[in-house]
Amino acid sequence: MKKRRYVDLYGYTSDEFDRLLERDINKKLRTGGKSRWKLDMGTVFAAYEDETRKLPRRRLHEIRIAS
């Protein structure tokens, strides 16, 4: 649901949305200090929710810079 909304509202392509989301979630999980084997679902979902909130702001920032 969020993916479709962000693609429509902010002009992300589906591949671009997936790539940005995956890259930033992985970066956040790596900097958390836990090994991959010790990650729980709560940590992963919290990273996902945090990054999906940041994607619209990133796009608006990119649009302002390009203008």
Protein backbone atom coordinates (compact mmCIF):
# COMPACT_ATOMS: atom_id res chain seq x y z
CA MET A 1 0.00 0.00 0.00
CA LYS A 2 2.69 2.51 0.97
CA LYS A 3 4.74 1.56 -2.05
CA ARG A 4 1.91 2.35 -4.46
CA ARG A 5 1.16 5.63 -2.69
CA TYR A 6 4.81 6.75 -2.77
CA VAL A 7 5.20 5.74 -6.38
CA ASP A 8 2.11 7.75 -7.35
CA LEU A 9 2.61 10.80 -5.13
CA TYR A 10 6.35 11.31 -5.21
CA GLY A 11 7.30 10.00 -8.64
CA TYR A 12 9.38 7.02 -7.58
CA THR A 13 9.58 4.17 -9.99
CA SER A 14 8.85 0.83 -8.40
CA ASP A 15 12.46 -0.34 -8.84
CA GLU A 16 13.84 2.92 -7.47
CA PHE A 17 11.60 2.67 -4.40
CA ASP A 18 12.69 -0.93 -3.74
CA ARG A 19 16.38 -0.12 -4.20
CA LEU A 20 16.34 2.91 -1.91
CA LEU A 21 14.31 1.16 0.76
CA GLU A 22 16.49 -1.94 0.76
CA ARG A 23 19.75 0.04 0.79
CA ASP A 24 18.70 2.27 3.67
CA ILE A 25 17.22 -0.55 5.75
CA ASN A 26 20.41 -2.57 5.35
CA LYS A 27 22.51 0.46 6.29
CA LYS A 28 20.42 1.09 9.41
CA LEU A 29 20.57 -2.58 10.48
CA ARG A 30 24.35 -2.73 9.98
CA THR A 31 24.92 0.37 12.10
CA GLY A 32 22.75 -1.08 14.89
CA GLY A 33 25.65 -3.19 16.05
CA LYS A 34 23.82 -6.54 16.12
CA SER A 35 24.88 -9.44 13.98
CA ARG A 36 22.46 -10.58 11.31
CA TRP A 37 21.72 -13.72 13.28
CA LYS A 38 20.57 -11.78 16.35
CA LEU A 39 18.10 -9.48 14.59
CA ASP A 40 14.51 -9.89 15.66
CA MET A 41 11.40 -9.04 13.67
CA GLY A 42 10.67 -5.96 15.77
CA THR A 43 14.03 -4.41 14.89
CA VAL A 44 13.61 -5.14 11.19
CA PHE A 45 10.06 -3.77 11.05
CA ALA A 46 11.07 -0.65 12.99
CA ALA A 47 13.82 0.01 10.43
CA TYR A 48 11.31 -0.53 7.61
CA GLU A 49 8.78 1.90 9.11
CA ASP A 50 11.46 4.51 9.76
CA GLU A 51 12.78 4.35 6.21
CA THR A 52 9.34 4.47 4.58
CA ARG A 53 8.71 7.69 6.50
CA LYS A 54 11.97 9.16 5.16
CA LEU A 55 11.41 8.40 1.47
CA PRO A 56 8.89 11.21 0.79
CA ARG A 57 11.14 13.77 2.48
CA ARG A 58 14.10 12.56 0.43
CA ARG A 59 12.15 12.96 -2.81
CA LEU A 60 10.94 16.45 -1.90
CA HIS A 61 14.52 17.42 -1.04
CA GLU A 62 15.72 16.08 -4.41
CA ILE A 63 13.00 18.03 -6.21
CA ARG A 64 13.97 21.28 -4.45
CA ILE A 65 17.64 20.79 -5.32
CA ALA A 66 16.85 20.09 -8.98
CA SER A 67 14.67 23.20 -9.31
